[in-house]
Amino acid sequence: QVQLVESGGGLVQAGGSLRLSCVASGRTYGRYTMGWFRQAPGKEREFVATIHWSGGTTSLADSVKGRFTISRASAKNTVYLQMNSLKPEDTAVYYCAATGEDRLRLWVLPSSYGYWGQGTQVTVSS
């Protein structure tokens, strides 16, 4: 069992930055691949970024490449999403998730993740 708690969301102007954090608890946290997803009002939840439990493999959605970075501090049981050059279209609730799935091609699917945080709101004003 893994419990996830996100923080770091807020209101920022376009072009600004935020860093989201996701703190995990549970005995097997270290063996989970961690992902960030987001959901805007009226839209489906979409993949943002993911990082393998080893930290050696990451993947980013095309819409955030070059602006967002995912990292993890295993000693702190924490995953980060650094978001730079934010745009109004980045506005959404951001969710942290954990999966034991080893197949990289499935990491972009919300259905691959069995554990989710409660979400943190990110609002980017124009």
Foldseek 3Di string as FASTA:
>chain_A
DKAKAKDWADEEAAQAKIKMKIAMDDDPLLQWKKFKWWDDPPDDIWGAKIAGSVRPDIDGDPVQPPFWDWGADVVRNMIMIIGGRDDQVVWTWMKMFIANDPDPVCPGPPVRTDYIYPTDTHGYHD
